[in-house]
Amino acid sequence: MVHPYIVNTINASVLIIAGLIGYFSNAAKPPTALIAPFIGLLLLSCTYHLRKHNRFVMHTVTSLTLLTGFLVVWRIDPALFAWNRHNILLLLMALSCFVAVALYVASFLKERRTPNNTIYKDDL
């Protein structure tokens, strides 16, 4: 099982890189394209606390990641969908968020099912 802070770092990096590519590839430079990189920076700033197994931060990161996934999917217009760079980047960011949430929940369940809660304590 991958540690949640590693998943968070990868997901935040995908949000930052894909969001900035989407922003700089658009000639209009809409400010809404910077929402995903900003959320990626917020998630990246929580990595230290995830490494220290702060449960409040873990739940906050999970809910923020899920909301970000829905926000990114919501920006795709199904009536005008085409396989262009913009929609592929949005799908990549959404897929990254949903996979990260699934891995967070899997780590919650695995840690909850261990009798002595020592599943991720090896890296402290």
Protein backbone atom coordinates (compact mmCIF):
# COMPACT_ATOMS: atom_id res chain seq x y z
CA MET A 1 0.00 0.00 0.00
CA VAL A 2 1.32 3.43 -0.94
CA HIS A 3 1.59 5.95 1.87
CA PRO A 4 -0.97 8.79 1.70
CA TYR A 5 1.68 11.51 1.70
CA ILE A 6 3.26 10.00 -1.44
CA VAL A 7 -0.13 9.84 -3.14
CA ASN A 8 -0.79 13.44 -2.09
CA THR A 9 2.54 14.60 -3.53
CA ILE A 10 1.91 12.89 -6.85
CA ASN A 11 -1.67 14.19 -7.07
CA ALA A 12 -0.63 17.74 -6.18
CA SER A 13 2.15 17.62 -8.77
CA VAL A 14 -0.28 16.46 -11.45
CA LEU A 15 -2.68 19.28 -10.55
CA ILE A 16 0.07 21.90 -10.62
CA ILE A 17 1.75 20.76 -13.84
CA ALA A 18 -1.41 19.99 -15.83
CA GLY A 19 -3.09 23.17 -14.58
CA LEU A 20 -0.16 25.35 -15.60
CA ILE A 21 0.07 23.65 -18.99
CA GLY A 22 -3.63 24.33 -19.49
CA TYR A 23 -3.22 27.95 -18.42
CA PHE A 24 -0.21 28.76 -20.59
CA SER A 25 -1.50 26.87 -23.64
CA ASN A 26 -4.68 28.95 -23.72
CA ALA A 27 -4.28 32.28 -25.49
CA ALA A 28 -7.00 33.94 -23.40
CA LYS A 29 -5.25 33.02 -20.09
CA PRO A 30 -8.47 32.64 -18.03
CA PRO A 31 -7.94 33.02 -14.29
CA THR A 32 -10.16 30.00 -13.61
CA ALA A 33 -7.44 27.81 -15.11
CA LEU A 34 -5.28 28.64 -12.08
CA ILE A 35 -7.72 27.06 -9.61
CA ALA A 36 -6.27 23.56 -10.00
CA PRO A 37 -2.62 24.65 -9.51
CA PHE A 38 -3.64 26.67 -6.45
CA ILE A 39 -5.41 23.66 -4.93
CA GLY A 40 -2.36 21.58 -5.85
CA LEU A 41 -0.17 23.97 -3.85
CA LEU A 42 -2.57 23.72 -0.90
CA LEU A 43 -2.44 19.93 -1.05
CA LEU A 44 1.34 19.97 -1.35
CA SER A 45 1.59 22.13 1.76
CA CYS A 46 -0.28 19.44 3.72
CA THR A 47 2.26 16.72 2.91
CA TYR A 48 4.29 17.26 6.08
CA HIS A 49 1.23 16.79 8.29
CA LEU A 50 0.18 13.70 6.33
CA ARG A 51 3.61 12.25 6.99
CA LYS A 52 3.07 12.81 10.72
CA HIS A 53 -0.32 11.02 10.49
CA ASN A 54 -2.50 13.96 11.46
CA ARG A 55 -6.02 12.56 11.05
CA PHE A 56 -7.72 15.96 10.73
CA VAL A 57 -5.42 16.92 7.87
CA MET A 58 -5.88 13.48 6.32
CA HIS A 59 -9.66 13.89 6.25
CA THR A 60 -9.39 17.48 5.04
CA VAL A 61 -7.05 16.49 2.20
CA THR A 62 -9.37 13.64 1.21
CA SER A 63 -12.45 15.87 1.04
CA LEU A 64 -10.58 18.67 -0.76
CA THR A 65 -9.23 16.18 -3.30
CA LEU A 66 -12.70 14.75 -3.92
CA LEU A 67 -14.18 18.24 -4.34
CA THR A 68 -11.35 19.15 -6.72
CA GLY A 69 -12.07 16.07 -8.81
CA PHE A 70 -15.73 17.04 -9.11
CA LEU A 71 -14.80 20.65 -9.87
CA VAL A 72 -12.50 19.60 -12.69
CA VAL A 73 -15.07 17.20 -14.18
CA TRP A 74 -17.70 19.93 -13.94
CA ARG A 75 -15.59 22.18 -16.22
CA ILE A 76 -15.93 19.67 -19.10
CA ASP A 77 -18.83 20.55 -21.41
CA PRO A 78 -20.36 17.27 -22.68
CA ALA A 79 -22.11 18.98 -25.60
CA LEU A 80 -18.84 20.33 -27.00
CA PHE A 81 -16.55 17.48 -25.95
CA ALA A 82 -13.66 16.75 -28.28
CA TRP A 83 -10.35 15.03 -27.63
CA ASN A 84 -8.27 18.19 -27.49
CA ARG A 85 -5.52 19.23 -25.09
CA HIS A 86 -7.87 21.12 -22.77
CA ASN A 87 -10.25 18.21 -22.19
CA ILE A 88 -7.44 15.66 -21.91
CA LEU A 89 -5.75 17.75 -19.21
CA LEU A 90 -9.05 18.09 -17.34
CA LEU A 91 -9.65 14.34 -17.55
CA LEU A 92 -6.11 13.66 -16.36
CA MET A 93 -6.53 15.95 -13.35
CA ALA A 94 -9.93 14.44 -12.48
CA LEU A 95 -8.64 10.89 -12.80
CA SER A 96 -5.67 11.73 -10.60
CA CYS A 97 -7.96 13.18 -7.92
CA PHE A 98 -10.37 10.23 -7.93
CA VAL A 99 -7.56 7.66 -7.81
CA ALA A 100 -5.96 9.59 -4.93
CA VAL A 101 -9.25 9.58 -3.00
CA ALA A 102 -9.61 5.85 -3.57
CA LEU A 103 -6.09 5.25 -2.24
CA TYR A 104 -6.73 7.51 0.77
CA VAL A 105 -9.87 5.56 1.66
CA ALA A 106 -8.05 2.26 1.16
CA SER A 107 -5.31 3.38 3.55
CA PHE A 108 -7.96 4.49 6.09
CA LEU A 109 -9.59 1.07 5.93
CA LYS A 110 -6.32 -0.81 6.13
CA GLU A 111 -5.14 1.24 9.11
CA ARG A 112 -8.51 0.84 10.83
CA ARG A 113 -8.43 -2.92 10.44
CA THR A 114 -5.02 -3.34 12.04
CA PRO A 115 -5.42 -4.14 15.73
CA ASN A 116 -2.58 -1.97 17.03
CA ASN A 117 -2.60 0.92 14.48
CA THR A 118 1.03 0.35 13.46
CA ILE A 119 0.54 0.18 9.70
CA TYR A 120 2.19 3.49 8.81
CA LYS A 121 4.14 4.15 12.00
CA ASP A 122 7.37 2.74 10.54
CA ASP A 123 8.36 6.03 8.89
CA LEU A 124 7.96 8.37 11.86
